[in-house]
Amino acid sequence: MRLIALLFAFAAAQALAHNPSDSYLGLVVDGPSIEGQWDIALRDLEVVVGLDANGNGEISWGEVRASHPAIASYALARLTLRSGASACPARVPGLLVDEHGDGTFAVLRFVATCPDSVTKLDVDYTLLFDVDPQHRGLLRLEHAGATRTAIFSPERSRQSFELAQPSRWQQFLDYGREGVWHIWIGFDHILFLLSLLLPAVLRRTNGRWEPVEAFSPAFWNAFGIVTAFTVAHSITLSLATLGAVALPSRLVEPAIALSVVLAALNNLRPVFYARRWVVAFLFGLVHGLGFANVLKELGLPQGALALALVGFNLGVEAGQLVIVGAFLPVAFLLRGTAFYRQVVFFGGSALIVLVAGIWLVERSLDVQLAIFAAATRPTVGSYDNMRDMLVSASAVRTAKMVVEPLHRSTAVIYSLAALRGQPPPPTRHLLRATLVHDTQYTVPNGHLVSG
């Protein structure tokens, strides 16, 4: 009983904390030289560096530019690159700004030089882990035309990479591992899956939930749900990753939250009981678009595209099976108890509705509710082309949020060189910024807008 209660408490606590914090680190190794690009969210840098110098709740481009030395110093102190036993010191020549699906990011381009040609690269990544244990660093490593990926977390802050041409099997395993890890840290996906699994050990009889008599029906019920979810998200993940389907994250993320709300509400007021696998399939199509956003940021090796897609999909499936394997036997043993029916099933479903409802509001309106913002950290915007919502830094500190709709067009500063009228540097795989020539900008809720 404690296992299931702790599982729900942990998932709820993590889910209510804040929107996920990610940075995107790209490394290109060529002999002894390493070219790097590191995209770090302005909302995260505001917490650790303090970009809002005048404390007016807005981050201007001038403030970001003035903070360049502090940003570079903070970031490079938390990234160590080594070739064998030798360190590869890095320098940051300039600062850029770019838009991702979850807000505006400072872009640090740097060059690291190793004593000799790199054959094995050790990466020690500790950015933000001391203030945000949920932060993740997404790495894309390129060498001799091959691409490797990895995700850094507090538990996996130090990783080593052999730079010999990776085999297809190694690439398959790399993407499979990232698929497993992504499902385990995707609390919205986990809660959606649990919402569908909670009734697997029960049956609906005369308007009442009753325990199933044997494990076999519960197993096949769960098997059908997980299979339908897997097939559906595999379809849209593949289509979105290959560019056949494209939906902005401002639509995908609220839709995922809504799917969790509806799945949990279906437990409290059953509408689709006998065909919950249909619910899993339909909403799985939406969740696949969410998976695709992460896979696009990691990047896919063009020489092994299908293999990487299959590996990532199978990794997600393996991660789901671990969750099912941990939950289903315990739920079956407790199915006949009042604790399971009243606390785990009804109470858990209600808690999921609450958590996912908060996600839905935050993701739809691009805000963070004050009760959670005060308890965690200031949060800025996520979704492009919506009404900008200004979250005052002082309101965050006092647990009172001031929301001011701003009807102004979004623009992105490409680089310092662009501001000076010089040609912008060549676009790399992580840059999708729009070149503009204005010189005054503010960043309400994480989006650079002309002012």
Foldseek 3Di string as FASTA:
>chain_A
DVVLVVVLVVLLVVLLQDPAFEKEKEWEADKQKIKIKIWGFPQLCCVVPNLPVVQFLWHKPVSVQVCVVVVVVLQQVFKWKDAVPWTWDKDFPFWFWFDDLAFITIMTIMMTGTPTTHQKMKIAGDPCCVADQRYKYWYWYHYPLDIAIDIDGPVRRIDMDGRDRDDLVVLLQRLLQVLLVVLVSPSLNVLLLVLQLLLLQWDADPNDTHGDDDLVSSVVSSVLQLVLLLVQLLVLLVCVLVPNDDDRPLPLQLLSLVLSLVSLVCLVVPDDDVPVSVSSNVSSNSVSNVVNSSDLSNPARPVNRVSSSVSSSVSNSVNVVVSCVVPSVVCNVCVRPPCSVPCVNNVSSVSSNVSSVQSNVCSNQQAHQLVSLLVGHDAFGRHPPDFGWAFRRVCNVVSHTDTDTDPFHFAGDGTPCLQVVHDGDDDDSVHDHDRDHDDIWIAGRRTTTHD
